[in-house]
Amino acid sequence: MTRNARKLAAFERFGRLFMRQTTLPGTTDKRLASLLTLLHAVLHTIGGVFGKPDPGPQQAAVAAMKANQFPLMGATRSYWSFYMGMGLTATICLTIIAIVLWQLSSLAKTDACRLRPICMTFLLAFLLLAVNSSIYFFSAPAIIELLIALCLAMTIFTSRPGAAR
C-alpha cells in the first residue's frame, strides 16, 4: 500500500469514526431520556399510585375519598377511583413515552434532524410537567422531568443535518 493510500485509508477511518460520534449524542440522550421516563413511571406507580398513606390526616383524606360515592355517566364512582384511575393513566402514558423515546433513538441513527420537531414537542411537554409537578405535587417528579427535558434539549441541539450519512 502506498503512502498516499494509507493516508487516504486513515482519513476515511477518521471520517467514519467522526460520523458515528455525531449520531451518538442524539441516540444516547434519547435513550437516557427514555430510561429516566421509565424510572419516573415506576416510581410514580410505587409511590404515587400504590403507596400507603401515613396515619393521621393522609388516612382520613383517603377514607373520605373512598367513602363518598356518586353516580356518574351510568356508573357509581368515588373520588378514590378517579385518583387511582388518573394515577394509573399517568403511569401508562409515561411508559408509552419511554418506549417511543427509545424507538426514536433508533431512528436518530439514520436521520436525527427530522426528529427535532418530535423532540421539541416532548421537551415542551416535560417542561410543562415539571412546572405542574412543582406547583401541585413536590420536587422529586419535577427534578426527573427537568432531567428528561435536559436530555431532549441536548438531543435537539446536537443533531446535525446529514450526520448519519
Protein backbone atom coordinates (compact mmCIF):
# COMPACT_ATOMS: atom_id res chain seq x y z
CA MET A 1 0.00 0.00 0.00
CA THR A 2 1.43 3.38 -0.95
CA ARG A 3 1.86 6.19 1.47
CA ASN A 4 -0.99 8.20 -0.09
CA ALA A 5 -3.29 5.19 0.02
CA ARG A 6 -2.53 4.72 3.73
CA LYS A 7 -3.23 8.39 4.41
CA LEU A 8 -6.49 8.14 2.49
CA ALA A 9 -7.48 4.98 4.40
CA ALA A 10 -6.65 6.67 7.73
CA PHE A 11 -8.65 9.74 6.72
CA GLU A 12 -11.63 7.56 5.76
CA ARG A 13 -11.46 5.71 9.11
CA PHE A 14 -11.36 9.05 10.92
CA GLY A 15 -14.33 10.25 8.85
CA ARG A 16 -16.34 7.12 9.67
CA LEU A 17 -15.49 7.49 13.36
CA PHE A 18 -16.44 11.18 13.30
CA MET A 19 -19.76 10.41 11.60
CA ARG A 20 -20.53 7.72 14.19
CA GLN A 21 -19.75 10.14 17.02
CA THR A 22 -22.05 12.83 15.65
CA THR A 23 -25.00 10.44 15.73
CA LEU A 24 -24.26 9.06 19.20
CA PRO A 25 -25.24 12.13 21.25
CA GLY A 26 -28.80 12.12 19.85
CA THR A 27 -29.07 8.40 20.38
CA THR A 28 -27.56 8.43 23.86
CA ASP A 29 -29.59 11.43 25.01
CA LYS A 30 -32.85 9.93 23.77
CA ARG A 31 -32.06 6.58 25.40
CA LEU A 32 -31.19 8.32 28.66
CA ALA A 33 -34.45 10.31 28.43
CA SER A 34 -36.26 7.03 27.78
CA LEU A 35 -34.73 5.34 30.83
CA LEU A 36 -35.44 8.36 33.04
CA THR A 37 -39.05 8.36 31.83
CA LEU A 38 -39.37 4.66 32.61
CA LEU A 39 -37.88 5.31 36.07
CA HIS A 40 -40.42 8.11 36.51
CA ALA A 41 -43.24 5.69 35.60
CA VAL A 42 -42.02 3.03 38.03
CA LEU A 43 -41.53 5.46 40.92
CA HIS A 44 -44.90 7.08 40.20
CA THR A 45 -46.58 3.68 40.35
CA ILE A 46 -44.80 2.52 43.51
CA GLY A 47 -45.01 5.77 45.46
CA GLY A 48 -47.96 7.59 43.98
CA VAL A 49 -50.49 5.00 42.89
CA PHE A 50 -49.83 2.07 45.23
CA GLY A 51 -48.15 3.93 48.10
CA LYS A 52 -49.68 3.62 51.56
CA PRO A 53 -50.97 6.81 53.21
CA ASP A 54 -49.36 7.79 56.50
CA PRO A 55 -51.50 7.60 59.62
CA GLY A 56 -53.44 10.71 60.53
CA PRO A 57 -54.60 13.31 58.00
CA GLN A 58 -53.50 11.28 54.95
CA GLN A 59 -55.51 8.22 56.01
CA ALA A 60 -58.50 10.42 56.84
CA ALA A 61 -58.36 12.02 53.38
CA VAL A 62 -58.14 8.61 51.65
CA ALA A 63 -61.05 7.29 53.76
CA ALA A 64 -63.16 10.31 52.80
CA MET A 65 -62.28 9.84 49.11
CA LYS A 66 -63.32 6.16 49.29
CA ALA A 67 -66.49 6.75 51.31
CA ASN A 68 -68.14 9.35 49.11
CA GLN A 69 -69.54 7.52 46.10
CA PHE A 70 -71.80 9.05 43.48
CA PRO A 71 -73.39 8.05 40.18
CA LEU A 72 -71.68 9.40 37.10
CA MET A 73 -72.35 8.50 33.47
CA GLY A 74 -74.08 5.25 34.37
CA ALA A 75 -71.53 4.05 36.95
CA THR A 76 -71.04 4.59 40.66
CA ARG A 77 -67.62 6.01 41.39
CA SER A 78 -65.74 7.67 44.21
CA TYR A 79 -63.05 10.31 44.23
CA TRP A 80 -60.67 7.50 45.18
CA SER A 81 -61.47 5.62 41.95
CA PHE A 82 -60.76 8.80 39.97
CA TYR A 83 -57.50 9.27 41.90
CA MET A 84 -56.39 5.69 41.20
CA GLY A 85 -57.54 5.81 37.58
CA MET A 86 -55.69 9.05 36.85
CA GLY A 87 -52.58 7.76 38.63
CA LEU A 88 -52.56 4.62 36.51
CA THR A 89 -53.23 6.74 33.40
CA ALA A 90 -50.10 8.77 34.16
CA THR A 91 -48.11 5.54 34.63
CA ILE A 92 -49.35 4.15 31.30
CA CYS A 93 -48.58 7.41 29.47
CA LEU A 94 -45.08 7.68 30.96
CA THR A 95 -44.36 4.07 30.00
CA ILE A 96 -45.55 4.63 26.42
CA ILE A 97 -43.45 7.81 26.18
CA ALA A 98 -40.40 5.85 27.39
CA ILE A 99 -40.96 3.28 24.64
CA VAL A 100 -41.44 5.97 21.98
CA LEU A 101 -38.25 7.79 23.05
CA TRP A 102 -36.32 4.51 22.84
CA GLN A 103 -37.70 3.90 19.34
CA LEU A 104 -36.81 7.47 18.33
CA SER A 105 -33.24 6.87 19.47
CA SER A 106 -33.02 4.05 16.92
CA LEU A 107 -34.39 6.34 14.20
CA ALA A 108 -31.88 9.04 15.18
CA LYS A 109 -29.10 6.83 13.84
CA THR A 110 -30.33 7.44 10.30
CA ASP A 111 -31.93 10.90 10.39
CA ALA A 112 -31.63 12.78 13.67
CA CYS A 113 -32.58 16.18 12.26
CA ARG A 114 -36.03 15.07 11.12
CA LEU A 115 -36.79 14.06 14.72
CA ARG A 116 -36.23 17.59 16.09
CA PRO A 117 -39.93 18.63 15.98
CA ILE A 118 -40.94 15.46 17.83
CA CYS A 119 -38.21 16.01 20.42
CA MET A 120 -39.26 19.65 20.80
CA THR A 121 -42.83 18.53 21.49
CA PHE A 122 -41.64 16.11 24.19
CA LEU A 123 -39.30 18.81 25.56
CA LEU A 124 -42.21 21.24 25.92
CA ALA A 125 -44.37 18.52 27.50
CA PHE A 126 -41.75 17.64 30.13
CA LEU A 127 -41.08 21.30 30.93
CA LEU A 128 -44.83 21.81 31.48
CA LEU A 129 -45.00 18.64 33.57
CA ALA A 130 -42.11 19.93 35.71
CA VAL A 131 -43.94 23.20 36.33
CA ASN A 132 -47.14 21.30 37.14
CA SER A 133 -45.30 18.91 39.48
CA SER A 134 -43.56 21.73 41.33
CA ILE A 135 -46.83 23.63 41.82
CA TYR A 136 -49.25 20.82 42.63
CA PHE A 137 -47.05 17.94 43.84
CA PHE A 138 -43.44 18.09 45.03
CA SER A 139 -39.89 18.45 43.77
CA ALA A 140 -38.90 14.80 43.09
CA PRO A 141 -41.02 14.34 39.94
CA ALA A 142 -40.18 17.88 38.82
CA ILE A 143 -36.44 17.10 39.04
CA ILE A 144 -36.81 13.91 36.98
CA GLU A 145 -38.93 15.78 34.41
CA LEU A 146 -36.30 18.53 34.16
CA LEU A 147 -33.57 15.91 33.65
CA ILE A 148 -35.64 14.33 30.87
CA ALA A 149 -36.14 17.79 29.33
CA LEU A 150 -32.38 18.41 29.52
CA CYS A 151 -31.68 15.15 27.67
CA LEU A 152 -34.19 16.12 24.99
CA ALA A 153 -32.70 19.62 24.67
CA MET A 154 -29.23 18.11 24.23
CA THR A 155 -30.67 15.82 21.55
CA ILE A 156 -32.16 18.79 19.70
CA PHE A 157 -29.01 20.89 19.84
CA THR A 158 -26.54 18.13 18.99
CA SER A 159 -28.36 16.70 15.96
CA ARG A 160 -26.88 17.81 12.67
CA PRO A 161 -28.23 17.61 9.13
CA GLY A 162 -26.91 14.56 7.35
CA ALA A 163 -24.89 13.43 10.36
CA ALA A 164 -25.61 9.76 9.71
CA ARG A 165 -24.71 9.80 6.05
